């Protein structure tokens, strides 16, 4: 049984931001079909950056001043989404993540959709299969975390719509 699109899409309230020592962190799960070898993603994260800046400004009351840099997998999915060169999100496909309830507030059906490999499918990189995710790097303030979270949610949701041809 396939899930409805709205249930697959990421929502900000499902992905809380946490302070951990000097860093601020969150987990950004990636829907497994986005990392298939036979999928081509054409949606550009650059087009969604301005929208994320506006949402971050509205939520925090000030405008983030950041430049960004993006690198891509061969199928077009962003493998890194970085702010000012060293703050950002990196994909990890070589290790298996668990979707801990503290960091990912999915119901059981959605957790399964983000954690289950499709039979016979080859994924990018040297993958052991889902769940996949972006992990945070060098985030030191709430503005950076909120901007990256907003940006990646918009980007991944648009990529999901594209891959599912919606």
N, C-alpha and C. Protein backbone atom coordinates (compact mmCIF):
# COMPACT_ATOMS: atom_id res chain seq x y z
N UNK A 1 0.84 -1.19 0.00
CA UNK A 1 0.00 0.00 0.00
C UNK A 1 0.88 1.24 0.00
N UNK A 2 0.67 2.12 -0.96
CA UNK A 2 1.46 3.34 -1.06
C UNK A 2 0.87 4.43 -0.17
N UNK A 3 1.77 5.24 0.38
CA UNK A 3 1.33 6.36 1.21
C UNK A 3 0.90 7.52 0.34
N UNK A 4 -0.02 8.32 0.85
CA UNK A 4 -0.41 9.55 0.18
C UNK A 4 0.77 10.52 0.21
N UNK A 5 0.86 11.36 -0.82
CA UNK A 5 1.95 12.32 -0.92
C UNK A 5 2.07 13.17 0.34
N UNK A 6 0.98 13.71 0.82
CA UNK A 6 1.01 14.61 1.98
C UNK A 6 1.62 13.93 3.20
N UNK A 7 1.43 12.63 3.32
CA UNK A 7 1.99 11.89 4.45
C UNK A 7 3.49 11.64 4.28
N UNK A 8 3.97 11.62 3.05
CA UNK A 8 5.39 11.39 2.78
C UNK A 8 6.21 12.67 2.96
N UNK A 9 5.62 13.81 2.62
CA UNK A 9 6.34 15.07 2.69
C UNK A 9 6.78 15.38 4.12
N UNK A 10 7.89 16.09 4.23
CA UNK A 10 8.44 16.49 5.53
C UNK A 10 7.72 17.74 6.03
N UNK A 11 7.55 17.81 7.35
CA UNK A 11 6.91 18.95 7.99
C UNK A 11 7.81 19.45 9.12
N UNK A 12 7.95 20.77 9.27
CA UNK A 12 8.87 21.32 10.27
C UNK A 12 8.65 20.79 11.69
N UNK A 13 7.41 20.58 12.09
CA UNK A 13 7.14 20.11 13.45
C UNK A 13 7.60 18.67 13.68
N UNK A 14 7.90 17.92 12.62
CA UNK A 14 8.39 16.55 12.76
C UNK A 14 9.90 16.50 13.04
N UNK A 15 10.59 17.62 12.83
CA UNK A 15 12.05 17.64 12.86
C UNK A 15 12.57 18.73 13.79
N UNK A 16 12.54 18.49 15.09
CA UNK A 16 12.97 19.51 16.04
C UNK A 16 14.47 19.79 15.98
N UNK A 17 14.82 20.99 16.39
CA UNK A 17 16.22 21.43 16.48
C UNK A 17 16.64 21.30 17.95
N UNK A 18 17.87 20.76 18.16
CA UNK A 18 18.38 20.54 19.51
C UNK A 18 19.74 21.20 19.69
N UNK A 19 19.98 21.71 20.90
CA UNK A 19 21.31 22.19 21.26
C UNK A 19 22.07 21.03 21.88
N UNK A 20 23.32 20.88 21.45
CA UNK A 20 24.17 19.81 21.97
C UNK A 20 25.56 20.39 22.20
N UNK A 21 25.81 20.82 23.43
CA UNK A 21 27.09 21.46 23.71
C UNK A 21 27.18 22.78 22.96
N UNK A 22 28.26 22.95 22.18
CA UNK A 22 28.46 24.18 21.40
C UNK A 22 27.77 24.14 20.05
N UNK A 23 27.22 23.00 19.68
CA UNK A 23 26.58 22.88 18.38
C UNK A 23 25.07 22.76 18.51
N UNK A 24 24.41 23.16 17.46
CA UNK A 24 22.97 22.99 17.34
C UNK A 24 22.77 21.97 16.23
N UNK A 25 21.87 21.02 16.46
CA UNK A 25 21.74 19.93 15.51
C UNK A 25 20.28 19.55 15.27
N UNK A 26 20.05 18.90 14.17
CA UNK A 26 18.78 18.28 13.85
C UNK A 26 19.07 17.16 12.86
N UNK A 27 18.11 16.29 12.67
CA UNK A 27 18.28 15.20 11.72
C UNK A 27 17.32 15.43 10.56
N UNK A 28 17.82 15.32 9.34
CA UNK A 28 17.00 15.52 8.16
C UNK A 28 16.94 14.22 7.37
N UNK A 29 15.87 13.43 7.56
CA UNK A 29 15.76 12.17 6.83
C UNK A 29 15.52 12.39 5.34
N UNK A 30 16.00 11.46 4.54
CA UNK A 30 15.86 11.54 3.08
C UNK A 30 15.02 10.35 2.62
N UNK A 31 13.96 10.63 1.90
CA UNK A 31 13.08 9.59 1.37
C UNK A 31 13.88 8.70 0.42
N UNK A 32 13.96 7.39 0.66
CA UNK A 32 14.85 6.50 -0.09
C UNK A 32 14.80 6.61 -1.62
N UNK A 33 13.63 6.77 -2.26
CA UNK A 33 13.65 6.87 -3.72
C UNK A 33 14.50 8.03 -4.27
N UNK A 34 14.77 9.05 -3.45
CA UNK A 34 15.60 10.17 -3.91
C UNK A 34 17.06 9.76 -4.11
N UNK A 35 17.46 8.64 -3.53
CA UNK A 35 18.85 8.17 -3.65
C UNK A 35 18.99 6.96 -4.56
N UNK A 36 17.99 6.69 -5.35
CA UNK A 36 18.08 5.58 -6.30
C UNK A 36 19.01 5.96 -7.45
N UNK A 37 19.75 4.97 -7.94
CA UNK A 37 20.63 5.19 -9.10
C UNK A 37 19.84 5.52 -10.36
N UNK A 38 18.63 5.01 -10.49
CA UNK A 38 17.86 5.19 -11.72
C UNK A 38 16.94 6.41 -11.70
N UNK A 39 17.11 7.29 -10.73
CA UNK A 39 16.29 8.50 -10.60
C UNK A 39 17.12 9.71 -10.98
N UNK A 40 16.51 10.67 -11.67
CA UNK A 40 17.17 11.93 -12.01
C UNK A 40 16.39 13.06 -11.36
N UNK A 41 17.06 13.83 -10.52
CA UNK A 41 16.44 14.96 -9.83
C UNK A 41 16.88 16.25 -10.50
N UNK A 42 15.90 17.03 -10.89
CA UNK A 42 16.20 18.28 -11.61
C UNK A 42 15.89 19.53 -10.79
N UNK A 43 15.16 19.36 -9.70
CA UNK A 43 14.81 20.51 -8.85
C UNK A 43 16.10 21.10 -8.27
N UNK A 44 16.18 22.40 -8.27
CA UNK A 44 17.39 23.07 -7.81
C UNK A 44 17.22 23.68 -6.42
N UNK A 45 18.11 23.34 -5.49
CA UNK A 45 18.00 23.95 -4.16
C UNK A 45 18.20 25.46 -4.19
N UNK A 46 18.93 25.96 -5.19
CA UNK A 46 19.16 27.40 -5.29
C UNK A 46 17.84 28.16 -5.39
N UNK A 47 16.87 27.60 -6.13
CA UNK A 47 15.60 28.28 -6.33
C UNK A 47 14.78 28.36 -5.04
N UNK A 48 15.08 27.54 -4.08
CA UNK A 48 14.31 27.48 -2.84
C UNK A 48 14.99 28.23 -1.69
N UNK A 49 16.21 28.69 -1.91
CA UNK A 49 16.96 29.36 -0.84
C UNK A 49 16.27 30.66 -0.40
N UNK A 50 15.84 31.48 -1.36
CA UNK A 50 15.20 32.76 -1.01
C UNK A 50 13.93 32.54 -0.19
N UNK A 51 13.17 31.52 -0.52
CA UNK A 51 11.96 31.20 0.25
C UNK A 51 12.33 30.81 1.68
N UNK A 52 13.38 30.02 1.85
CA UNK A 52 13.82 29.62 3.19
C UNK A 52 14.31 30.82 3.99
N UNK A 53 14.99 31.76 3.34
CA UNK A 53 15.46 32.98 4.02
C UNK A 53 14.25 33.77 4.54
N UNK A 54 13.22 33.93 3.70
CA UNK A 54 12.02 34.68 4.11
C UNK A 54 11.33 34.02 5.30
N UNK A 55 11.20 32.70 5.26
CA UNK A 55 10.56 31.99 6.37
C UNK A 55 11.38 32.10 7.66
N UNK A 56 12.69 32.03 7.52
CA UNK A 56 13.57 32.15 8.69
C UNK A 56 13.46 33.54 9.28
N UNK A 57 13.43 34.56 8.43
CA UNK A 57 13.29 35.94 8.89
C UNK A 57 11.96 36.12 9.62
N UNK A 58 10.90 35.56 9.08
CA UNK A 58 9.57 35.66 9.72
C UNK A 58 9.57 34.95 11.08
N UNK A 59 10.18 33.79 11.15
CA UNK A 59 10.19 33.01 12.40
C UNK A 59 11.06 33.62 13.48
N UNK A 60 12.19 34.21 13.08
CA UNK A 60 13.17 34.69 14.06
C UNK A 60 13.20 36.21 14.22
N UNK A 61 12.57 36.93 13.30
CA UNK A 61 12.53 38.38 13.41
C UNK A 61 13.74 39.11 12.85
N UNK A 62 14.65 38.39 12.22
CA UNK A 62 15.78 39.04 11.55
C UNK A 62 16.19 38.21 10.34
N UNK A 63 16.86 38.87 9.42
CA UNK A 63 17.22 38.23 8.15
C UNK A 63 18.60 37.59 8.24
N UNK A 64 18.69 36.30 7.92
CA UNK A 64 20.01 35.65 7.90
C UNK A 64 20.82 36.14 6.72
N UNK A 65 22.08 36.41 6.94
CA UNK A 65 22.99 36.86 5.88
C UNK A 65 23.97 35.73 5.60
N UNK A 66 23.67 34.95 4.60
CA UNK A 66 24.52 33.81 4.29
C UNK A 66 24.67 33.65 2.79
N UNK A 67 25.82 33.13 2.41
CA UNK A 67 26.05 32.66 1.06
C UNK A 67 25.94 31.14 1.14
N UNK A 68 25.74 30.50 0.03
CA UNK A 68 25.62 29.05 0.07
C UNK A 68 26.43 28.41 -1.04
N UNK A 69 26.69 27.14 -0.82
CA UNK A 69 27.43 26.32 -1.77
C UNK A 69 26.78 24.94 -1.77
N UNK A 70 26.62 24.37 -2.95
CA UNK A 70 25.94 23.08 -3.06
C UNK A 70 26.76 22.15 -3.94
N UNK A 71 26.87 20.89 -3.53
CA UNK A 71 27.45 19.86 -4.39
C UNK A 71 26.38 18.79 -4.59
N UNK A 72 26.50 18.04 -5.68
CA UNK A 72 25.45 17.12 -6.07
C UNK A 72 25.97 15.71 -6.32
N UNK A 73 25.09 14.72 -6.09
CA UNK A 73 25.33 13.35 -6.52
C UNK A 73 25.11 13.28 -8.02
N UNK A 74 25.51 12.18 -8.61
CA UNK A 74 25.35 12.02 -10.05
C UNK A 74 23.89 12.00 -10.49
N UNK A 75 22.96 11.70 -9.59
CA UNK A 75 21.55 11.70 -9.99
C UNK A 75 20.89 13.07 -9.79
N UNK A 76 21.64 14.06 -9.34
CA UNK A 76 21.11 15.41 -9.19
C UNK A 76 20.69 15.79 -7.78
N UNK A 77 20.71 14.85 -6.84
CA UNK A 77 20.37 15.18 -5.45
C UNK A 77 21.54 15.90 -4.79
N UNK A 78 21.23 16.95 -4.05
CA UNK A 78 22.28 17.68 -3.33
C UNK A 78 22.93 16.75 -2.31
N UNK A 79 24.24 16.61 -2.38
CA UNK A 79 24.96 15.81 -1.39
C UNK A 79 25.44 16.68 -0.23
N UNK A 80 25.62 17.97 -0.49
CA UNK A 80 25.97 18.94 0.55
C UNK A 80 25.22 20.23 0.28
N UNK A 81 24.71 20.83 1.33
CA UNK A 81 24.08 22.15 1.28
C UNK A 81 24.76 22.96 2.38
N UNK A 82 25.67 23.83 1.99
CA UNK A 82 26.51 24.53 2.95
C UNK A 82 26.24 26.04 2.95
N UNK A 83 26.33 26.63 4.13
CA UNK A 83 26.26 28.08 4.29
C UNK A 83 27.66 28.60 4.55
N UNK A 84 28.02 29.67 3.91
CA UNK A 84 29.31 30.33 4.09
C UNK A 84 30.48 29.34 4.15
N UNK A 85 30.40 28.26 3.38
CA UNK A 85 31.53 27.37 3.18
C UNK A 85 31.78 26.26 4.17
N UNK A 86 31.32 26.39 5.41
CA UNK A 86 31.66 25.35 6.39
C UNK A 86 30.52 24.96 7.33
N UNK A 87 29.37 25.56 7.17
CA UNK A 87 28.21 25.28 8.02
C UNK A 87 27.16 24.64 7.14
N UNK A 88 26.66 23.48 7.51
CA UNK A 88 25.65 22.94 6.64
C UNK A 88 25.21 21.53 6.90
N UNK A 89 24.75 20.92 5.81
CA UNK A 89 24.21 19.57 5.82
C UNK A 89 24.98 18.72 4.83
N UNK A 90 25.32 17.51 5.25
CA UNK A 90 26.03 16.57 4.39
C UNK A 90 25.24 15.27 4.38
N UNK A 91 25.15 14.63 3.22
CA UNK A 91 24.48 13.33 3.15
C UNK A 91 25.42 12.25 3.62
N UNK A 92 24.87 11.30 4.33
CA UNK A 92 25.60 10.09 4.66
C UNK A 92 24.82 8.92 4.07
N UNK A 93 25.45 8.19 3.16
CA UNK A 93 24.79 7.01 2.60
C UNK A 93 25.56 5.75 2.93
N UNK A 94 26.71 5.88 3.59
CA UNK A 94 27.51 4.71 3.87
C UNK A 94 27.17 4.05 5.19
N UNK A 95 26.52 4.77 6.07
CA UNK A 95 26.15 4.19 7.36
C UNK A 95 24.65 4.12 7.48
N UNK A 96 24.18 3.22 8.28
CA UNK A 96 22.74 3.10 8.51
C UNK A 96 22.37 3.97 9.70
N UNK A 97 21.46 4.84 9.47
CA UNK A 97 20.92 5.66 10.55
C UNK A 97 19.71 4.96 11.13
N UNK A 98 19.43 5.27 12.36
CA UNK A 98 18.15 4.91 12.96
C UNK A 98 17.39 6.22 13.01
N UNK A 99 16.10 6.18 12.86
CA UNK A 99 15.31 7.39 12.95
C UNK A 99 14.80 7.52 14.39
N UNK A 100 15.64 8.11 15.27
CA UNK A 100 15.26 8.17 16.69
C UNK A 100 14.05 9.08 16.91
N UNK A 101 13.08 8.62 17.69
CA UNK A 101 11.87 9.41 17.92
C UNK A 101 12.15 10.80 18.47
N UNK A 102 13.23 10.98 19.20
CA UNK A 102 13.57 12.30 19.74
C UNK A 102 13.85 13.29 18.60
N UNK A 103 14.49 12.83 17.54
CA UNK A 103 14.90 13.70 16.44
C UNK A 103 13.95 13.69 15.26
N UNK A 104 13.20 12.61 15.08
CA UNK A 104 12.30 12.47 13.94
C UNK A 104 10.94 12.02 14.47
N UNK A 105 9.99 12.91 14.46
CA UNK A 105 8.68 12.64 15.04
C UNK A 105 7.70 12.16 13.96
N UNK A 106 8.00 10.98 13.40
CA UNK A 106 7.16 10.35 12.39
C UNK A 106 6.23 9.34 13.05
N UNK A 107 5.06 9.16 12.44
CA UNK A 107 4.22 8.03 12.87
C UNK A 107 4.86 6.76 12.29
N UNK A 108 4.34 5.62 12.70
CA UNK A 108 4.95 4.33 12.33
C UNK A 108 4.95 4.11 10.81
N UNK A 109 3.88 4.50 10.13
CA UNK A 109 3.79 4.32 8.68
C UNK A 109 4.86 5.14 7.95
N UNK A 110 5.04 6.38 8.37
CA UNK A 110 6.03 7.25 7.73
C UNK A 110 7.45 6.79 8.06
N UNK A 111 7.66 6.38 9.30
CA UNK A 111 8.97 5.88 9.70
C UNK A 111 9.36 4.69 8.82
N UNK A 112 8.41 3.80 8.56
CA UNK A 112 8.66 2.64 7.73
C UNK A 112 8.97 3.06 6.28
N UNK A 113 8.23 4.03 5.76
CA UNK A 113 8.46 4.50 4.39
C UNK A 113 9.86 5.09 4.22
N UNK A 114 10.38 5.73 5.25
CA UNK A 114 11.71 6.34 5.19
C UNK A 114 12.82 5.36 5.57
N UNK A 115 12.47 4.19 6.03
CA UNK A 115 13.46 3.24 6.54
C UNK A 115 13.56 1.94 5.74
N UNK A 116 12.72 1.74 4.75
CA UNK A 116 12.64 0.46 4.06
C UNK A 116 13.21 0.55 2.65
N UNK A 117 14.10 -0.37 2.33
CA UNK A 117 14.67 -0.45 0.99
C UNK A 117 13.68 -1.12 0.05
N UNK A 118 13.65 -0.65 -1.20
CA UNK A 118 12.84 -1.30 -2.21
C UNK A 118 13.60 -2.52 -2.73
N UNK A 119 12.91 -3.61 -2.96
CA UNK A 119 13.56 -4.83 -3.43
C UNK A 119 14.22 -4.61 -4.78
N UNK A 120 15.49 -5.03 -4.88
CA UNK A 120 16.22 -4.98 -6.13
C UNK A 120 16.71 -3.61 -6.56
N UNK A 121 16.53 -2.59 -5.72
CA UNK A 121 16.92 -1.22 -6.09
C UNK A 121 18.36 -0.96 -5.68
N UNK A 122 19.11 -0.31 -6.55
CA UNK A 122 20.48 0.12 -6.24
C UNK A 122 20.43 1.59 -5.86
N UNK A 123 21.10 1.90 -4.74
CA UNK A 123 21.15 3.27 -4.26
C UNK A 123 22.52 3.87 -4.53
N UNK A 124 22.61 5.19 -4.47
CA UNK A 124 23.86 5.90 -4.74
C UNK A 124 24.94 5.55 -3.74
N UNK A 125 26.18 5.73 -4.18
CA UNK A 125 27.32 5.56 -3.28
C UNK A 125 27.50 4.13 -2.84
N UNK A 126 28.21 3.98 -1.76
CA UNK A 126 28.51 2.67 -1.19
C UNK A 126 27.49 2.39 -0.09
N UNK A 127 26.23 2.35 -0.47
CA UNK A 127 25.15 2.34 0.49
C UNK A 127 24.79 0.96 1.00
N UNK A 128 24.40 0.95 2.26
CA UNK A 128 23.85 -0.24 2.88
C UNK A 128 22.33 -0.18 2.86
N UNK A 129 21.78 0.84 2.26
CA UNK A 129 20.33 1.00 2.21
C UNK A 129 19.82 1.97 3.25
N UNK A 130 18.53 2.29 3.17
CA UNK A 130 17.96 3.28 4.08
C UNK A 130 17.88 2.76 5.52
N UNK A 131 17.65 3.66 6.48
CA UNK A 131 17.32 5.07 6.27
C UNK A 131 18.55 5.92 5.96
N UNK A 132 18.30 6.95 5.16
CA UNK A 132 19.34 7.91 4.77
C UNK A 132 19.04 9.24 5.44
N UNK A 133 20.06 10.07 5.54
CA UNK A 133 19.81 11.38 6.10
C UNK A 133 20.96 12.34 5.87
N UNK A 134 20.64 13.62 6.00
CA UNK A 134 21.66 14.66 6.07
C UNK A 134 22.05 14.79 7.54
N UNK A 135 23.32 14.95 7.79
CA UNK A 135 23.73 15.27 9.15
C UNK A 135 24.28 16.68 9.16
N UNK A 136 24.19 17.34 10.31
CA UNK A 136 24.59 18.74 10.42
C UNK A 136 26.10 18.85 10.65
N UNK A 137 26.63 20.00 10.25
CA UNK A 137 28.06 20.26 10.41
C UNK A 137 28.26 21.72 10.81
N UNK A 138 28.88 21.92 11.96
CA UNK A 138 29.32 23.25 12.42
C UNK A 138 28.20 24.27 12.60
N UNK A 139 27.00 23.86 12.91
CA UNK A 139 25.92 24.80 13.16
C UNK A 139 26.06 25.31 14.59
N UNK A 140 26.20 26.62 14.74
CA UNK A 140 26.46 27.18 16.06
C UNK A 140 25.39 28.14 16.56
N UNK A 141 24.38 28.43 15.73
CA UNK A 141 23.32 29.30 16.22
C UNK A 141 21.98 28.91 15.60
N UNK A 142 20.92 29.38 16.23
CA UNK A 142 19.57 29.02 15.82
C UNK A 142 19.22 29.56 14.43
N UNK A 143 19.78 30.70 14.05
CA UNK A 143 19.52 31.24 12.72
C UNK A 143 20.02 30.29 11.64
N UNK A 144 21.26 29.80 11.79
CA UNK A 144 21.80 28.85 10.82
C UNK A 144 20.96 27.56 10.79
N UNK A 145 20.62 27.04 11.96
CA UNK A 145 19.84 25.80 12.03
C UNK A 145 18.47 25.96 11.39
N UNK A 146 17.79 27.06 11.70
CA UNK A 146 16.45 27.28 11.15
C UNK A 146 16.50 27.46 9.64
N UNK A 147 17.48 28.22 9.15
CA UNK A 147 17.61 28.42 7.71
C UNK A 147 17.89 27.10 7.00
N UNK A 148 18.83 26.32 7.50
CA UNK A 148 19.14 25.03 6.87
C UNK A 148 17.97 24.06 6.94
N UNK A 149 17.28 24.05 8.05
CA UNK A 149 16.12 23.17 8.18
C UNK A 149 15.03 23.57 7.18
N UNK A 150 14.70 24.86 7.13
CA UNK A 150 13.67 25.34 6.19
C UNK A 150 14.07 25.02 4.75
N UNK A 151 15.32 25.32 4.41
CA UNK A 151 15.82 25.12 3.05
C UNK A 151 15.76 23.64 2.66
N UNK A 152 16.23 22.77 3.53
CA UNK A 152 16.28 21.35 3.19
C UNK A 152 14.88 20.73 3.13
N UNK A 153 13.97 21.16 3.98
CA UNK A 153 12.59 20.65 3.91
C UNK A 153 11.96 21.02 2.58
N UNK A 154 12.09 22.29 2.18
CA UNK A 154 11.52 22.71 0.88
C UNK A 154 12.15 21.92 -0.27
N UNK A 155 13.46 21.81 -0.23
CA UNK A 155 14.17 21.11 -1.30
C UNK A 155 13.77 19.64 -1.38
N UNK A 156 13.80 18.94 -0.26
CA UNK A 156 13.46 17.51 -0.27
C UNK A 156 12.00 17.29 -0.65
N UNK A 157 11.10 18.14 -0.19
CA UNK A 157 9.70 17.99 -0.56
C UNK A 157 9.49 18.19 -2.06
N UNK A 158 10.16 19.18 -2.64
CA UNK A 158 10.04 19.39 -4.09
C UNK A 158 10.66 18.22 -4.86
N UNK A 159 11.76 17.68 -4.37
CA UNK A 159 12.39 16.53 -5.01
C UNK A 159 11.48 15.30 -4.92
N UNK A 160 10.82 15.11 -3.79
CA UNK A 160 9.88 13.99 -3.65
C UNK A 160 8.75 14.13 -4.66
N UNK A 161 8.17 15.33 -4.77
CA UNK A 161 7.10 15.56 -5.75
C UNK A 161 7.58 15.26 -7.16
N UNK A 162 8.79 15.69 -7.47
CA UNK A 162 9.33 15.45 -8.81
C UNK A 162 9.53 13.96 -9.07
N UNK A 163 10.12 13.25 -8.13
CA UNK A 163 10.39 11.82 -8.30
C UNK A 163 9.09 11.02 -8.38
N UNK A 164 8.11 11.41 -7.61
CA UNK A 164 6.83 10.71 -7.64
C UNK A 164 5.94 11.23 -8.77
N UNK A 165 6.46 12.22 -9.53
CA UNK A 165 5.78 12.78 -10.69
C UNK A 165 4.42 13.40 -10.34
N UNK A 166 4.43 14.16 -9.26
CA UNK A 166 3.20 14.81 -8.81
C UNK A 166 3.21 16.26 -9.27
